[in-house]
Amino acid sequence: MAAYLIRRLLSMIPVLLTVAVVTFILMHNAPGGPWDRDLNARQVDPTTQKLLNEYYGLDKPLWRQFVAYVIGDTDAKTGKFECGAVCGNLGPSYRMRGLTIQQILFEPPEGKPFWYSKFGYSMRLALIALSMAIVLGIPVGIISALKQNTLADYLSLFIATVGISVPNFVIAIFLIIIFASWLHLVSIVPQSWDQVDVWILPAVVLGFNTLARTARLTRASMLEVMRMDYVRTARAKGLAERVVIFRHMIKNAMIPVVTILGPALAALVVGSFIIELMFSFPGMGRQYILSIQQRDYSMIMGTTLIYAFLVALANLSVDIVYVFLDPRIRLS
């Protein structure tokens, strides 16, 4: 197990490096730059732009900028080597001057716990959405398979098809119109995110697609397991239907479902930026969109690398969970 984990962790290095290279190339080939306009939407004069480029090292060749960000570079003033992203230093923000990317994303307001940071807000929203998908999606899929070709089955298939086919931002618009504009049950832009009810709408919108996919995959997996020989043998031995379902069917049917749940959590964090922007949610995804609009290069690179690391870590966690679900699977 230890050797396998070490190999998988080392394999993340070329993945993250590739993501960094592609992001860096796309970022610098996009029109505009971080000094096009200052925070007050005024044009920055050429002299100031030149000084800012020298201060942040943007006057250097692109290959050296990339090496300096990923590995590190020697400070021209102090002569000390400053380690880059490999040491967890994601660089300073070009737009929120005086703050580093780590401070912006991971430090909560003074006196608040970590979960009130931008990363904490996004993780909380993703965990709520994933919990909803698991708590509702798996039972719906199981009931749909056990009640195949009944009204319950057709209804669950309809919900799953809608959840998979309709983009989440379209669902968000409809729910905002219904619950915020017509019924006035929720606020479109909440004054505070400390109340529980303001989380419901963003979590439902974000997790609905995952819920639909979970229900559909659970149903398909259960139908496949129900036709296995060992299930028929268990019933022939006289075991109660409850024992057959919970001990023999559900446990084996969950293996494909777990395959999507691990990456689903990372996908919910990564894919939440549209929902966060629509609901003015104070998370990392909204900050990511703003950094792209403002050409905040360090923020774009840092957030992209965090997202890539979360996806890679989720895939690794799925492989580990496999072993506990099915003893026949061995990590090698």
Protein backbone atom coordinates (compact mmCIF):
# COMPACT_ATOMS: atom_id res chain seq x y z
CA MET A 1 0.00 0.00 0.00
CA ALA A 2 2.75 2.47 0.95
CA ALA A 3 4.70 1.82 -2.25
CA TYR A 4 1.55 2.25 -4.31
CA LEU A 5 0.72 5.55 -2.63
CA ILE A 6 4.24 6.86 -3.19
CA ARG A 7 4.10 5.92 -6.90
CA ARG A 8 0.72 7.57 -7.34
CA LEU A 9 1.79 10.73 -5.54
CA LEU A 10 4.91 10.93 -7.69
CA SER A 11 2.79 10.45 -10.82
CA MET A 12 0.93 13.64 -9.90
CA ILE A 13 4.07 15.68 -10.55
CA PRO A 14 4.04 15.41 -14.39
CA VAL A 15 0.25 15.92 -14.37
CA LEU A 16 0.50 19.14 -12.38
CA LEU A 17 3.46 20.28 -14.46
CA THR A 18 1.51 19.75 -17.67
CA VAL A 19 -1.46 21.66 -16.25
CA ALA A 20 0.88 24.50 -15.24
CA VAL A 21 2.48 24.69 -18.70
CA VAL A 22 -0.86 24.70 -20.56
CA THR A 23 -2.37 27.27 -18.18
CA PHE A 24 0.69 29.51 -18.43
CA ILE A 25 0.67 29.45 -22.25
CA LEU A 26 -3.07 30.13 -22.53
CA MET A 27 -2.91 32.84 -19.88
CA HIS A 28 -0.14 34.81 -21.56
CA ASN A 29 -1.64 34.42 -25.04
CA ALA A 30 -4.98 35.86 -23.98
CA PRO A 31 -5.47 39.51 -24.90
CA GLY A 32 -4.88 42.08 -22.19
CA GLY A 33 -2.75 42.06 -19.07
CA PRO A 34 -2.92 42.66 -15.31
CA TRP A 35 -2.17 46.38 -15.67
CA ASP A 36 -4.74 47.28 -18.31
CA ARG A 37 -6.83 48.98 -15.67
CA ASP A 38 -6.28 49.56 -11.98
CA LEU A 39 -8.75 48.70 -9.22
CA ASN A 40 -10.63 51.97 -9.85
CA ALA A 41 -11.10 51.08 -13.55
CA ARG A 42 -8.69 53.78 -14.66
CA GLN A 43 -6.07 53.27 -17.32
CA VAL A 44 -2.58 52.67 -15.91
CA ASP A 45 0.03 54.87 -17.54
CA PRO A 46 3.01 53.23 -19.36
CA THR A 47 5.56 54.34 -16.77
CA THR A 48 3.60 52.72 -13.94
CA GLN A 49 3.12 49.57 -16.03
CA LYS A 50 6.87 49.35 -16.58
CA LEU A 51 7.59 49.72 -12.86
CA LEU A 52 4.98 47.10 -11.98
CA ASN A 53 6.40 44.68 -14.56
CA GLU A 54 9.86 45.10 -13.08
CA TYR A 55 8.59 44.69 -9.52
CA TYR A 56 6.67 41.48 -10.26
CA GLY A 57 9.21 40.08 -12.74
CA LEU A 58 6.90 40.30 -15.75
CA ASP A 59 9.66 42.00 -17.78
CA LYS A 60 11.63 38.75 -17.88
CA PRO A 61 11.36 36.17 -20.69
CA LEU A 62 8.33 33.91 -20.43
CA TRP A 63 10.36 30.75 -19.80
CA ARG A 64 12.07 32.42 -16.85
CA GLN A 65 8.74 33.66 -15.48
CA PHE A 66 7.43 30.09 -15.60
CA VAL A 67 10.51 28.63 -13.91
CA ALA A 68 10.40 31.38 -11.27
CA TYR A 69 6.74 30.65 -10.50
CA VAL A 70 7.01 26.86 -10.40
CA ILE A 71 10.51 26.33 -8.97
CA GLY A 72 11.61 29.72 -7.68
CA ASP A 73 14.03 32.54 -8.40
CA THR A 74 16.63 34.71 -6.71
CA ASP A 75 15.37 38.04 -5.45
CA ALA A 76 17.27 40.83 -7.20
CA LYS A 77 17.22 43.10 -4.14
CA THR A 78 18.03 40.70 -1.29
CA GLY A 79 19.90 38.05 -3.27
CA LYS A 80 17.93 35.31 -1.49
CA PHE A 81 16.34 32.39 -3.30
CA GLU A 82 12.55 32.40 -3.07
CA CYS A 83 10.98 28.98 -3.64
CA GLY A 84 7.97 28.78 -5.95
CA ALA A 85 4.86 26.63 -6.24
CA VAL A 86 6.77 23.43 -5.44
CA CYS A 87 7.13 24.78 -1.90
CA GLY A 88 3.51 25.90 -1.69
CA ASN A 89 4.28 29.51 -2.56
CA LEU A 90 1.63 30.45 -5.12
CA GLY A 91 2.90 34.00 -5.49
CA PRO A 92 1.48 37.48 -4.84
CA SER A 93 -1.78 38.71 -6.26
CA TYR A 94 -1.35 41.39 -8.92
CA ARG A 95 -4.77 42.91 -8.30
CA MET A 96 -5.14 42.57 -4.52
CA ARG A 97 -1.71 44.02 -3.88
CA GLY A 98 0.01 43.23 -0.63
CA LEU A 99 -1.66 39.81 -0.35
CA THR A 100 -0.45 36.39 -1.46
CA ILE A 101 -2.63 33.78 -3.13
CA GLN A 102 -2.47 31.62 0.00
CA GLN A 103 -3.78 34.49 2.13
CA ILE A 104 -6.62 35.26 -0.25
CA LEU A 105 -7.81 31.67 -0.68
CA PHE A 106 -7.01 29.99 2.64
CA GLU A 107 -7.02 32.67 5.34
CA PRO A 108 -10.45 33.41 6.89
CA PRO A 109 -11.48 36.84 8.20
CA GLU A 110 -10.05 37.73 11.58
CA GLY A 111 -11.67 35.78 14.39
CA LYS A 112 -13.30 33.26 12.04
CA PRO A 113 -12.41 29.54 11.62
CA PHE A 114 -10.81 28.11 8.49
CA TRP A 115 -14.19 27.20 6.96
CA TYR A 116 -14.87 30.92 6.47
CA SER A 117 -12.01 31.25 3.99
CA LYS A 118 -12.77 31.27 0.26
CA PHE A 119 -11.50 27.69 -0.06
CA GLY A 120 -13.52 26.73 3.02
CA TYR A 121 -16.71 28.20 1.58
CA SER A 122 -16.26 26.28 -1.69
CA MET A 123 -15.48 23.02 0.14
CA ARG A 124 -18.53 23.42 2.38
CA LEU A 125 -20.79 24.02 -0.60
CA ALA A 126 -19.32 21.02 -2.45
CA LEU A 127 -19.67 18.74 0.60
CA ILE A 128 -23.30 19.76 1.08
CA ALA A 129 -24.02 19.17 -2.61
CA LEU A 130 -22.25 15.79 -2.58
CA SER A 131 -24.01 14.73 0.63
CA MET A 132 -27.33 15.56 -0.98
CA ALA A 133 -26.38 13.54 -4.07
CA ILE A 134 -25.41 10.51 -1.96
CA VAL A 135 -28.30 10.64 0.51
CA LEU A 136 -30.92 11.04 -2.23
CA GLY A 137 -29.27 9.62 -5.35
CA ILE A 138 -28.29 6.17 -4.04
CA PRO A 139 -31.68 5.32 -2.43
CA VAL A 140 -33.52 6.59 -5.52
CA GLY A 141 -31.34 4.37 -7.74
CA ILE A 142 -31.85 1.33 -5.50
CA ILE A 143 -35.62 1.78 -5.30
CA SER A 144 -35.77 2.36 -9.05
CA ALA A 145 -33.96 -0.94 -9.70
CA LEU A 146 -36.02 -2.93 -7.19
CA LYS A 147 -39.25 -1.44 -8.63
CA GLN A 148 -38.23 -1.74 -12.27
CA ASN A 149 -40.85 -0.70 -14.87
CA THR A 150 -43.12 0.85 -12.25
CA LEU A 151 -44.17 4.46 -11.69
CA ALA A 152 -41.32 4.96 -9.21
CA ASP A 153 -38.83 3.73 -11.80
CA TYR A 154 -40.17 5.97 -14.56
CA LEU A 155 -40.24 8.99 -12.25
CA SER A 156 -36.63 8.48 -11.12
CA LEU A 157 -35.48 8.02 -14.73
CA PHE A 158 -37.23 11.26 -15.69
CA ILE A 159 -35.54 13.18 -12.86
CA ALA A 160 -32.17 11.65 -13.73
CA THR A 161 -32.55 12.53 -17.40
CA VAL A 162 -33.44 16.14 -16.58
CA GLY A 163 -30.53 16.42 -14.15
CA ILE A 164 -28.03 15.10 -16.68
CA SER A 165 -29.38 16.92 -19.74
CA VAL A 166 -30.11 20.41 -18.41
CA PRO A 167 -27.06 22.56 -17.48
CA ASN A 168 -26.91 23.58 -13.85
CA PHE A 169 -26.87 27.30 -14.64
CA VAL A 170 -30.20 26.89 -16.48
CA ILE A 171 -31.66 25.12 -13.45
CA ALA A 172 -30.27 27.92 -11.29
CA ILE A 173 -32.09 30.57 -13.34
CA PHE A 174 -35.41 28.74 -13.05
CA LEU A 175 -35.03 28.17 -9.30
CA ILE A 176 -34.05 31.81 -8.73
CA ILE A 177 -37.13 32.96 -10.67
CA ILE A 178 -39.44 30.59 -8.77
CA PHE A 179 -38.11 30.77 -5.20
CA ALA A 180 -36.61 34.27 -5.16
CA SER A 181 -38.70 36.36 -7.59
CA TRP A 182 -42.12 34.69 -7.33
CA LEU A 183 -42.30 33.07 -3.89
CA HIS A 184 -39.78 35.37 -2.13
CA LEU A 185 -38.58 32.44 -0.02
CA VAL A 186 -34.88 33.16 -0.50
CA SER A 187 -32.77 36.20 -1.27
CA ILE A 188 -30.98 36.33 -4.61
CA VAL A 189 -27.93 37.96 -2.96
CA PRO A 190 -27.94 37.06 0.77
CA GLN A 191 -26.61 39.63 3.19
CA SER A 192 -24.90 36.89 5.19
CA TRP A 193 -23.99 33.26 4.52
CA ASP A 194 -24.18 32.32 8.20
CA GLN A 195 -27.83 31.27 7.85
CA VAL A 196 -28.55 27.69 6.83
CA ASP A 197 -31.42 28.43 4.45
CA VAL A 198 -29.32 30.56 2.07
CA TRP A 199 -27.14 27.52 1.29
CA ILE A 200 -30.04 25.35 0.10
CA LEU A 201 -30.54 26.81 -3.37
CA PRO A 202 -26.84 26.88 -4.42
CA ALA A 203 -26.31 23.37 -3.02
CA VAL A 204 -29.36 21.97 -4.83
CA VAL A 205 -28.32 23.55 -8.13
CA LEU A 206 -24.71 22.42 -7.79
CA GLY A 207 -25.50 18.87 -6.67
CA PHE A 208 -28.48 18.10 -8.89
CA ASN A 209 -26.39 16.83 -11.80
CA THR A 210 -24.33 14.61 -9.49
CA LEU A 211 -27.52 13.35 -7.84
CA ALA A 212 -28.96 12.42 -11.24
CA ARG A 213 -25.80 10.62 -12.34
CA THR A 214 -25.55 8.79 -9.02
CA ALA A 215 -29.16 7.62 -9.19
CA ARG A 216 -28.83 6.47 -12.79
CA LEU A 217 -25.57 4.61 -12.21
CA THR A 218 -26.86 3.02 -8.99
CA ARG A 219 -29.93 1.77 -10.84
CA ALA A 220 -27.88 0.30 -13.69
CA SER A 221 -25.40 -1.32 -11.30
CA MET A 222 -28.16 -2.79 -9.14
CA LEU A 223 -29.93 -4.26 -12.17
CA GLU A 224 -26.67 -5.89 -13.26
CA VAL A 225 -25.98 -7.33 -9.80
CA MET A 226 -29.55 -8.62 -9.45
CA ARG A 227 -28.94 -10.97 -12.38
CA MET A 228 -25.74 -12.45 -10.95
CA ASP A 229 -25.54 -16.12 -10.04
CA TYR A 230 -24.55 -15.51 -6.43
CA VAL A 231 -27.73 -13.45 -5.87
CA ARG A 232 -29.88 -16.29 -7.18
CA THR A 233 -27.90 -18.71 -5.00
CA ALA A 234 -28.46 -16.53 -1.93
CA ARG A 235 -32.19 -16.50 -2.56
CA ALA A 236 -32.20 -20.26 -3.21
CA LYS A 237 -30.55 -20.81 0.18
CA GLY A 238 -33.58 -19.19 1.78
CA LEU A 239 -32.00 -15.94 2.90
CA ALA A 240 -34.36 -13.11 3.67
CA GLU A 241 -34.78 -10.58 0.86
CA ARG A 242 -33.47 -7.83 3.14
CA VAL A 243 -30.25 -9.79 3.72
CA VAL A 244 -29.85 -10.48 0.01
CA ILE A 245 -30.30 -6.81 -0.88
CA PHE A 246 -28.07 -5.25 1.78
CA ARG A 247 -25.37 -7.90 2.15
CA HIS A 248 -24.99 -9.22 -1.38
CA MET A 249 -26.44 -6.70 -3.84
CA ILE A 250 -25.83 -3.19 -2.56
CA LYS A 251 -22.22 -3.74 -1.47
CA ASN A 252 -21.15 -4.99 -4.90
CA ALA A 253 -23.33 -2.50 -6.75
CA MET A 254 -21.62 0.39 -4.97
CA ILE A 255 -18.21 -0.21 -6.61
CA PRO A 256 -19.06 1.64 -9.87
CA VAL A 257 -20.88 4.33 -7.87
CA VAL A 258 -17.82 5.02 -5.72
CA THR A 259 -15.88 5.46 -8.96
CA ILE A 260 -17.75 8.68 -9.68
CA LEU A 261 -18.23 9.94 -6.12
CA GLY A 262 -14.54 10.57 -5.48
CA PRO A 263 -13.95 12.70 -8.58
CA ALA A 264 -17.45 14.14 -8.12
CA LEU A 265 -16.39 15.99 -4.98
CA ALA A 266 -13.43 17.51 -6.81
CA ALA A 267 -15.67 18.25 -9.79
CA LEU A 268 -18.17 20.02 -7.54
CA VAL A 269 -15.39 22.24 -6.17
CA VAL A 270 -13.90 22.79 -9.63
CA GLY A 271 -17.22 23.30 -11.39
CA SER A 272 -18.83 25.54 -8.80
CA PHE A 273 -17.49 28.81 -10.22
CA ILE A 274 -20.57 29.45 -12.42
CA ILE A 275 -22.92 28.80 -9.51
CA GLU A 276 -20.79 30.89 -7.16
CA LEU A 277 -20.85 33.76 -9.62
CA MET A 278 -24.63 33.56 -10.11
CA PHE A 279 -25.33 33.54 -6.35
CA SER A 280 -22.48 35.96 -5.45
CA PHE A 281 -21.07 33.17 -3.31
CA PRO A 282 -17.84 34.16 -1.48
CA GLY A 283 -15.91 31.08 -2.57
CA MET A 284 -12.80 30.19 -4.52
CA GLY A 285 -14.66 29.67 -7.80
CA ARG A 286 -15.98 33.22 -7.89
CA GLN A 287 -12.50 34.51 -7.12
CA TYR A 288 -11.18 32.40 -10.01
CA ILE A 289 -13.60 34.00 -12.47
CA LEU A 290 -12.70 37.49 -11.25
CA SER A 291 -8.98 36.72 -11.58
CA ILE A 292 -9.48 35.67 -15.22
CA GLN A 293 -11.37 38.87 -15.95
CA GLN A 294 -8.63 40.93 -14.28
CA ARG A 295 -5.73 38.88 -15.75
CA ASP A 296 -4.37 38.21 -12.26
CA TYR A 297 -1.75 35.71 -13.46
CA SER A 298 -0.68 34.37 -10.07
CA MET A 299 -4.27 33.82 -8.96
CA ILE A 300 -5.11 32.02 -12.21
CA MET A 301 -2.06 29.74 -11.95
CA GLY A 302 -2.46 29.07 -8.25
CA THR A 303 -6.20 28.29 -8.39
CA THR A 304 -5.79 26.06 -11.44
CA LEU A 305 -3.04 24.05 -9.74
CA ILE A 306 -5.20 23.65 -6.63
CA TYR A 307 -8.08 22.39 -8.75
CA ALA A 308 -5.81 19.95 -10.61
CA PHE A 309 -4.37 18.63 -7.34
CA LEU A 310 -7.88 18.07 -5.92
CA VAL A 311 -8.92 16.06 -8.99
CA ALA A 312 -5.77 13.92 -8.85
CA LEU A 313 -6.23 13.37 -5.12
CA ALA A 314 -9.87 12.36 -5.63
CA ASN A 315 -8.88 9.74 -8.22
CA LEU A 316 -6.32 8.32 -5.80
CA SER A 317 -8.88 8.13 -3.00
CA VAL A 318 -11.25 6.15 -5.24
CA ASP A 319 -8.59 3.49 -5.85
CA ILE A 320 -8.01 3.16 -2.11
CA VAL A 321 -11.72 2.84 -1.31
CA TYR A 322 -11.97 0.03 -3.89
CA VAL A 323 -9.95 -2.25 -1.62
CA PHE A 324 -12.37 -1.84 1.28
CA LEU A 325 -15.44 -2.44 -0.90
CA ASP A 326 -14.10 -5.50 -2.71
CA PRO A 327 -11.34 -7.59 -1.06
CA ARG A 328 -10.58 -9.19 -4.43
CA ILE A 329 -9.10 -5.90 -5.62
CA ARG A 330 -5.49 -5.37 -4.65
CA LEU A 331 -3.36 -2.30 -5.14
CA SER A 332 -0.17 -3.05 -7.01
